[in-house]
Amino acid sequence: MRPRAAGFTLLEILVAASLALLMLGLGMMLFSSLLNISDEATATAEMNQNLRAAANLISQDLMMAAAGVPIGGLPLPSGANAQPVNRPGPCCNTFPAALGVIPAISPGYGLGPSQASANVDTSYLAGAITNSDEITILEVDPLSQINQYPLAAESPTSITFNAATNLGSGVSQLRTGDLLMLQNANGSALAMVTNINGDVVSLNAGDPLQINQPNAAAGNFAAILSGSPPTTAYRLLMISYYLDFSNPNEPVLMRQLDDQAAMKVAAYITGLQFTYDLSDGKTIDQRTVLQPNQIRKVNFVISARSTHRSLKTGRYYTNSIATAVMIRNLEYRNRY
């Protein structure tokens, strides 16, 4: 008998090839699954970091809201020749003239861009397409030391600081565009620095926020100069938070201080909504507030999306964070 030829039969080769392809397919599926898991972990970690950064900064500013600000807020220019005062932030949003004051917290329900334009797959609030909110916060700068000395001289359009006040450097430094709270026995007024020449600070009309209105009948610095009482200047911080969707592929949360250039707080933020609890203890989650002086707690929700779409679904990862901040400078006042 002839010896049997060595090798594999066609059936054995087909079985081996099928097993190899099966193992290769399983390996590719495992690799793809691991790649999707890694992509999701990286994207959600970055998204959640943006959410935490945004929530932390807003919370810090809210906790300092109303610090050093008079009860009731600061007066708005009113009467003959008065013009609307602009809020820091996007063009043309103003403080409600009917209030007569700028309160420590100024709600901005629906003043931001539509959340449907943030290049995100899902809209905020269970499919409802609503505009994002804005908020403006007032506080006296706790680090400034310009309030150590009464002013040497004042007029409706300029003030002269005491020579011992160093306006050029350190914690007492002033810059064009800074806000001042001017206070004496007659009351308080708000002013914006338009020029600095040594110890003399100009408060000329036509500033970007329309705060200096020396010709207005009331609610300006001129209104508290009667009798020339000693006046003290405090550096005031006016902070606005709002969303910027000018680049739909990178929606961002902005923070603007006074008239300074707005700063990007966090990227890929797609939703910003505020609600308010009032002093009566019953009014909670109020989106429209007719008496912002009565705000005691601010609740906000920030929504974000990932920087890129999911490799598996082709959709963005999304998440939201909700926070409540008790306003400690307002909470224990019966009226503000």
Protein backbone atom coordinates (compact mmCIF):
# COMPACT_ATOMS: atom_id res chain seq x y z
CA MET A 1 0.00 0.00 0.00
CA ARG A 2 1.20 3.54 -0.80
CA PRO A 3 1.74 5.77 2.28
CA ARG A 4 -0.99 8.39 2.89
CA ALA A 5 -0.05 11.95 1.70
CA ALA A 6 0.60 14.49 4.52
CA GLY A 7 -1.42 17.80 4.72
CA PHE A 8 -4.92 19.20 5.44
CA THR A 9 -8.07 18.41 3.67
CA LEU A 10 -10.12 21.18 2.07
CA LEU A 11 -12.73 20.79 4.80
CA GLU A 12 -10.13 21.26 7.54
CA ILE A 13 -8.78 24.38 5.84
CA LEU A 14 -12.28 25.86 5.56
CA VAL A 15 -13.02 25.14 9.23
CA ALA A 16 -9.71 26.67 10.34
CA ALA A 17 -10.25 29.75 8.20
CA SER A 18 -13.76 30.18 9.55
CA LEU A 19 -12.51 29.93 13.13
CA ALA A 20 -9.74 32.45 12.41
CA LEU A 21 -12.20 34.91 10.87
CA LEU A 22 -14.54 34.42 13.82
CA MET A 23 -11.75 35.14 16.31
CA LEU A 24 -10.62 38.15 14.27
CA GLY A 25 -14.19 39.47 14.19
CA LEU A 26 -14.57 39.01 17.94
CA GLY A 27 -11.26 40.78 18.45
CA MET A 28 -12.35 43.69 16.28
CA MET A 29 -15.66 43.92 18.14
CA LEU A 30 -13.82 43.96 21.47
CA PHE A 31 -11.39 46.59 20.20
CA SER A 32 -14.25 48.73 18.89
CA SER A 33 -16.10 48.38 22.19
CA LEU A 34 -13.02 49.38 24.18
CA LEU A 35 -12.44 52.31 21.83
CA ASN A 36 -16.04 53.48 22.34
CA ILE A 37 -15.70 53.15 26.12
CA SER A 38 -12.44 55.11 26.10
CA ASP A 39 -13.96 57.78 23.86
CA GLU A 40 -17.04 58.11 26.08
CA ALA A 41 -14.94 58.27 29.26
CA THR A 42 -12.67 60.98 27.84
CA ALA A 43 -15.53 63.03 26.39
CA THR A 44 -17.72 62.89 29.49
CA ALA A 45 -14.80 63.63 31.83
CA GLU A 46 -13.94 66.77 29.87
CA MET A 47 -17.61 67.78 29.67
CA ASN A 48 -18.14 67.30 33.41
CA GLN A 49 -14.98 69.26 34.15
CA ASN A 50 -16.39 72.18 32.15
CA LEU A 51 -19.66 71.92 34.07
CA ARG A 52 -17.91 71.91 37.45
CA ALA A 53 -15.70 74.85 36.54
CA ALA A 54 -18.70 76.90 35.40
CA ALA A 55 -20.82 76.03 38.45
CA ASN A 56 -17.99 76.75 40.90
CA LEU A 57 -17.23 80.20 39.52
CA ILE A 58 -20.88 81.28 39.36
CA SER A 59 -21.39 80.00 42.92
CA GLN A 60 -18.39 81.94 44.23
CA ASP A 61 -19.65 85.20 42.74
CA LEU A 62 -23.19 84.59 43.99
CA MET A 63 -21.96 83.97 47.53
CA MET A 64 -20.40 87.45 47.51
CA ALA A 65 -23.45 89.15 45.94
CA ALA A 66 -24.67 92.27 47.79
CA ALA A 67 -21.49 92.55 49.88
CA GLY A 68 -21.15 96.24 50.75
CA VAL A 69 -24.09 97.24 48.53
CA PRO A 70 -26.72 99.47 50.20
CA ILE A 71 -30.07 98.00 51.13
CA GLY A 72 -32.30 98.30 48.09
CA GLY A 73 -29.49 98.46 45.55
CA LEU A 74 -27.98 101.44 43.70
CA PRO A 75 -30.13 104.11 42.01
CA LEU A 76 -30.57 104.27 38.27
CA PRO A 77 -30.50 107.65 36.51
CA SER A 78 -34.10 108.81 36.22
CA GLY A 79 -36.28 111.72 35.29
CA ALA A 80 -35.56 114.24 32.55
CA ASN A 81 -32.64 113.39 30.22
CA ALA A 82 -32.19 109.91 31.73
CA GLN A 83 -31.23 107.05 29.40
CA PRO A 84 -31.34 103.26 29.90
CA VAL A 85 -28.27 101.77 31.61
CA ASN A 86 -26.65 98.86 29.80
CA ARG A 87 -25.86 95.57 31.49
CA PRO A 88 -22.38 94.13 31.05
CA GLY A 89 -22.65 91.48 28.38
CA PRO A 90 -24.26 91.13 24.95
CA CYS A 91 -25.38 94.24 23.15
CA CYS A 92 -28.48 96.11 24.08
CA ASN A 93 -29.59 94.36 27.29
CA THR A 94 -30.47 97.05 29.84
CA PHE A 95 -31.53 97.25 33.48
CA PRO A 96 -35.31 97.71 33.87
CA ALA A 97 -35.86 101.44 34.39
CA ALA A 98 -39.14 100.75 36.22
CA LEU A 99 -37.23 99.32 39.19
CA GLY A 100 -35.45 102.62 39.75
CA VAL A 101 -32.40 100.77 41.09
CA ILE A 102 -29.83 98.19 40.14
CA PRO A 103 -30.38 95.43 42.72
CA ALA A 104 -27.64 93.20 44.06
CA ILE A 105 -28.90 90.42 41.77
CA SER A 106 -30.49 91.32 38.43
CA PRO A 107 -32.25 88.35 36.79
CA GLY A 108 -32.11 88.12 33.02
CA TYR A 109 -34.80 85.62 32.07
CA GLY A 110 -34.54 84.75 28.38
CA LEU A 111 -31.98 87.47 27.60
CA GLY A 112 -29.46 84.95 26.25
CA PRO A 113 -29.38 83.18 22.87
CA SER A 114 -31.74 80.35 21.98
CA GLN A 115 -30.48 77.04 23.30
CA ALA A 116 -31.56 75.45 20.03
CA SER A 117 -28.66 77.16 18.23
CA ALA A 118 -25.86 75.59 20.26
CA ASN A 119 -25.28 72.71 17.82
CA VAL A 120 -26.53 70.12 20.29
CA ASP A 121 -28.81 67.17 19.65
CA THR A 122 -31.25 67.66 22.52
CA SER A 123 -32.82 70.90 23.69
CA TYR A 124 -33.02 71.92 27.32
CA LEU A 125 -36.05 71.26 29.52
CA ALA A 126 -37.43 68.07 27.96
CA GLY A 127 -37.42 69.23 24.38
CA ALA A 128 -38.58 72.79 24.93
CA ILE A 129 -36.63 75.32 22.89
CA THR A 130 -36.15 78.33 25.16
CA ASN A 131 -33.68 81.17 25.32
CA SER A 132 -30.90 80.89 27.84
CA ASP A 133 -30.78 83.26 30.82
CA GLU A 134 -28.39 85.95 31.96
CA ILE A 135 -27.59 87.17 35.47
CA THR A 136 -25.84 90.30 36.78
CA ILE A 137 -24.32 90.47 40.26
CA LEU A 138 -23.24 93.52 42.31
CA GLU A 139 -20.66 93.50 45.09
CA VAL A 140 -18.06 95.84 46.54
CA ASP A 141 -14.55 94.63 45.77
CA PRO A 142 -13.36 93.13 49.10
CA LEU A 143 -9.70 93.60 48.15
CA SER A 144 -9.81 97.26 47.19
CA GLN A 145 -8.42 99.82 49.64
CA ILE A 146 -9.48 103.04 47.92
CA ASN A 147 -12.20 103.41 50.54
CA GLN A 148 -9.66 104.24 53.25
CA TYR A 149 -9.87 107.98 52.68
CA PRO A 150 -12.69 110.43 51.88
CA LEU A 151 -12.37 112.15 48.52
CA ALA A 152 -10.43 115.39 48.42
CA ALA A 153 -12.83 117.01 45.94
CA GLU A 154 -15.78 116.07 43.77
CA SER A 155 -18.01 117.38 41.01
CA PRO A 156 -20.71 115.73 38.87
CA THR A 157 -18.07 114.69 36.29
CA SER A 158 -14.86 114.18 38.30
CA ILE A 159 -13.51 113.21 41.69
CA THR A 160 -10.12 113.81 43.30
CA PHE A 161 -8.72 111.13 45.57
CA ASN A 162 -6.72 111.80 48.70
CA ALA A 163 -3.01 112.01 47.86
CA ALA A 164 -2.33 109.05 50.16
CA THR A 165 -4.38 106.77 47.91
CA ASN A 166 -2.21 104.96 45.38
CA LEU A 167 -4.31 104.67 42.24
CA GLY A 168 -1.48 103.41 40.07
CA SER A 169 -0.69 99.97 41.46
CA GLY A 170 -1.59 97.30 43.97
CA VAL A 171 -5.02 96.77 45.47
CA SER A 172 -5.91 100.46 45.08
CA GLN A 173 -5.20 100.59 41.35
CA LEU A 174 -7.95 102.03 39.17
CA ARG A 175 -8.39 101.55 35.43
CA THR A 176 -10.59 103.11 32.81
CA GLY A 177 -13.87 101.18 32.75
CA ASP A 178 -13.86 100.38 36.47
CA LEU A 179 -17.05 101.05 38.41
CA LEU A 180 -17.24 103.09 41.60
CA MET A 181 -19.86 103.33 44.30
CA LEU A 182 -19.82 106.87 45.66
CA GLN A 183 -21.38 107.24 49.08
CA ASN A 184 -22.05 110.06 51.52
CA ALA A 185 -24.70 111.22 53.98
CA ASN A 186 -27.06 112.03 51.08
CA GLY A 187 -27.02 108.50 49.68
CA SER A 188 -25.21 106.41 47.10
CA ALA A 189 -24.50 106.71 43.39
CA LEU A 190 -22.89 104.61 40.68
CA ALA A 191 -20.17 105.93 38.35
CA MET A 192 -17.75 104.61 35.73
CA VAL A 193 -14.13 105.72 35.41
CA THR A 194 -13.55 107.31 32.00
CA ASN A 195 -10.07 108.79 32.55
CA ILE A 196 -7.35 108.93 35.21
CA ASN A 197 -4.87 111.77 35.57
CA GLY A 198 -2.88 111.46 38.77
CA ASP A 199 -5.36 111.69 41.66
CA VAL A 200 -8.13 113.07 39.45
CA VAL A 201 -10.63 110.56 38.03
CA SER A 202 -13.06 111.62 35.32
CA LEU A 203 -16.66 110.43 35.27
CA ASN A 204 -17.67 111.79 31.88
CA ALA A 205 -20.95 111.08 30.12
CA GLY A 206 -21.02 108.65 27.21
CA ASP A 207 -19.37 105.69 28.96
CA PRO A 208 -20.08 102.28 27.37
CA LEU A 209 -22.66 101.25 29.99
CA GLN A 210 -24.36 104.68 30.07
CA ILE A 211 -23.84 104.89 33.83
CA ASN A 212 -22.47 108.43 34.00
CA GLN A 213 -25.43 110.66 33.22
CA PRO A 214 -24.63 114.00 34.87
CA ASN A 215 -27.56 115.69 33.12
CA ALA A 216 -30.19 113.28 34.41
CA ALA A 217 -32.66 114.78 36.87
CA ALA A 218 -32.03 112.16 39.59
CA GLY A 219 -30.28 108.92 40.41
CA ASN A 220 -26.78 110.14 39.49
CA PHE A 221 -23.70 111.39 41.35
CA ALA A 222 -24.84 115.00 41.04
CA ALA A 223 -27.94 114.12 43.07
CA ILE A 224 -25.93 113.39 46.24
CA LEU A 225 -23.52 116.35 46.09
CA SER A 226 -25.84 118.88 47.71
CA GLY A 227 -24.09 120.47 50.70
CA SER A 228 -20.74 118.86 49.78
CA PRO A 229 -20.76 116.15 52.49
CA PRO A 230 -17.62 113.97 52.80
CA THR A 231 -17.79 111.33 50.08
CA THR A 232 -16.06 107.96 49.94
CA ALA A 233 -15.43 105.92 46.78
CA TYR A 234 -15.59 102.13 46.70
CA ARG A 235 -14.58 99.91 43.81
CA LEU A 236 -17.70 98.09 42.67
CA LEU A 237 -17.82 94.79 40.81
CA MET A 238 -20.67 94.32 38.32
CA ILE A 239 -20.49 90.78 36.95
CA SER A 240 -22.63 89.24 34.21
CA TYR A 241 -22.82 85.60 33.16
CA TYR A 242 -24.30 84.67 29.79
CA LEU A 243 -23.89 82.23 26.89
CA ASP A 244 -22.19 83.04 23.60
CA PHE A 245 -23.22 81.01 20.55
CA SER A 246 -21.47 83.17 17.95
CA ASN A 247 -19.56 80.01 17.05
CA PRO A 248 -22.21 77.24 17.06
CA ASN A 249 -19.49 74.60 17.03
CA GLU A 250 -18.12 75.90 20.34
CA PRO A 251 -20.84 77.39 22.59
CA VAL A 252 -19.23 79.02 25.63
CA LEU A 253 -20.16 80.49 29.00
CA MET A 254 -18.90 84.07 29.35
CA ARG A 255 -18.16 86.20 32.41
CA GLN A 256 -17.95 89.95 31.97
CA LEU A 257 -16.76 92.31 34.68
CA ASP A 258 -17.83 95.95 34.32
CA ASP A 259 -16.79 97.17 30.85
CA GLN A 260 -13.77 94.89 30.61
CA ALA A 261 -13.44 92.32 27.85
CA ALA A 262 -15.62 89.28 28.49
CA MET A 263 -13.74 86.15 29.53
CA LYS A 264 -14.53 82.57 28.52
CA VAL A 265 -15.32 80.54 31.62
CA ALA A 266 -16.06 77.15 30.07
CA ALA A 267 -16.46 75.79 26.56
CA TYR A 268 -19.27 73.67 25.10
CA ILE A 269 -21.88 75.02 27.54
CA THR A 270 -25.27 74.79 25.83
CA GLY A 271 -27.79 75.81 28.50
CA LEU A 272 -27.97 78.33 31.35
CA GLN A 273 -31.17 78.72 33.37
CA PHE A 274 -31.76 80.52 36.68
CA THR A 275 -34.65 80.39 39.12
CA TYR A 276 -35.02 82.30 42.38
CA ASP A 277 -36.42 81.80 45.88
CA LEU A 278 -37.84 84.94 47.46
CA SER A 279 -37.96 86.25 51.02
CA ASP A 280 -41.53 85.13 51.70
CA GLY A 281 -40.31 81.55 52.01
CA LYS A 282 -43.04 80.35 49.66
CA THR A 283 -42.02 81.67 46.26
CA ILE A 284 -39.54 79.15 44.91
CA ASP A 285 -38.18 78.35 41.46
CA GLN A 286 -39.41 81.72 40.17
CA ARG A 287 -38.03 82.43 36.68
CA THR A 288 -39.50 85.89 36.28
CA VAL A 289 -38.93 88.10 39.34
CA LEU A 290 -40.83 91.37 39.71
CA GLN A 291 -39.03 92.30 42.94
CA PRO A 292 -35.39 91.21 42.66
CA ASN A 293 -34.68 92.95 45.99
CA GLN A 294 -36.47 90.02 47.62
CA ILE A 295 -34.20 87.30 46.19
CA ARG A 296 -32.71 85.11 48.90
CA LYS A 297 -31.53 82.04 46.99
CA VAL A 298 -30.46 81.46 43.40
CA ASN A 299 -30.92 78.09 41.72
CA PHE A 300 -29.29 77.41 38.38
CA VAL A 301 -28.90 74.62 35.87
CA ILE A 302 -26.00 74.46 33.43
CA SER A 303 -26.09 72.11 30.45
CA ALA A 304 -23.11 71.03 28.38
CA ARG A 305 -22.18 68.77 25.49
CA SER A 306 -19.03 66.92 24.54
CA THR A 307 -16.40 68.40 22.25
CA HIS A 308 -17.12 65.79 19.55
CA ARG A 309 -19.76 63.29 18.57
CA SER A 310 -19.85 59.72 19.81
CA LEU A 311 -17.99 57.22 17.63
CA LYS A 312 -20.82 54.76 18.18
CA THR A 313 -24.00 56.83 17.83
CA GLY A 314 -22.80 59.91 15.97
CA ARG A 315 -24.47 62.12 18.60
CA TYR A 316 -23.01 64.40 21.24
CA TYR A 317 -22.74 63.30 24.86
CA THR A 318 -24.78 65.70 27.04
CA ASN A 319 -25.09 66.36 30.76
CA SER A 320 -26.41 68.98 33.20
CA ILE A 321 -25.54 70.14 36.70
CA ALA A 322 -27.95 71.82 39.13
CA THR A 323 -26.84 74.00 42.04
CA ALA A 324 -28.50 76.20 44.64
CA VAL A 325 -26.70 79.11 46.32
CA MET A 326 -27.97 80.89 49.43
CA ILE A 327 -27.11 84.59 49.21
CA ARG A 328 -25.53 85.06 52.62
CA ASN A 329 -25.53 88.88 52.43
CA LEU A 330 -29.30 88.84 51.85
CA GLU A 331 -30.57 85.77 53.66
CA TYR A 332 -30.87 87.25 57.15
CA ARG A 333 -32.50 90.54 56.13
CA ASN A 334 -36.24 90.94 56.46
CA ARG A 335 -36.20 93.38 53.58
CA TYR A 336 -33.52 94.21 51.07
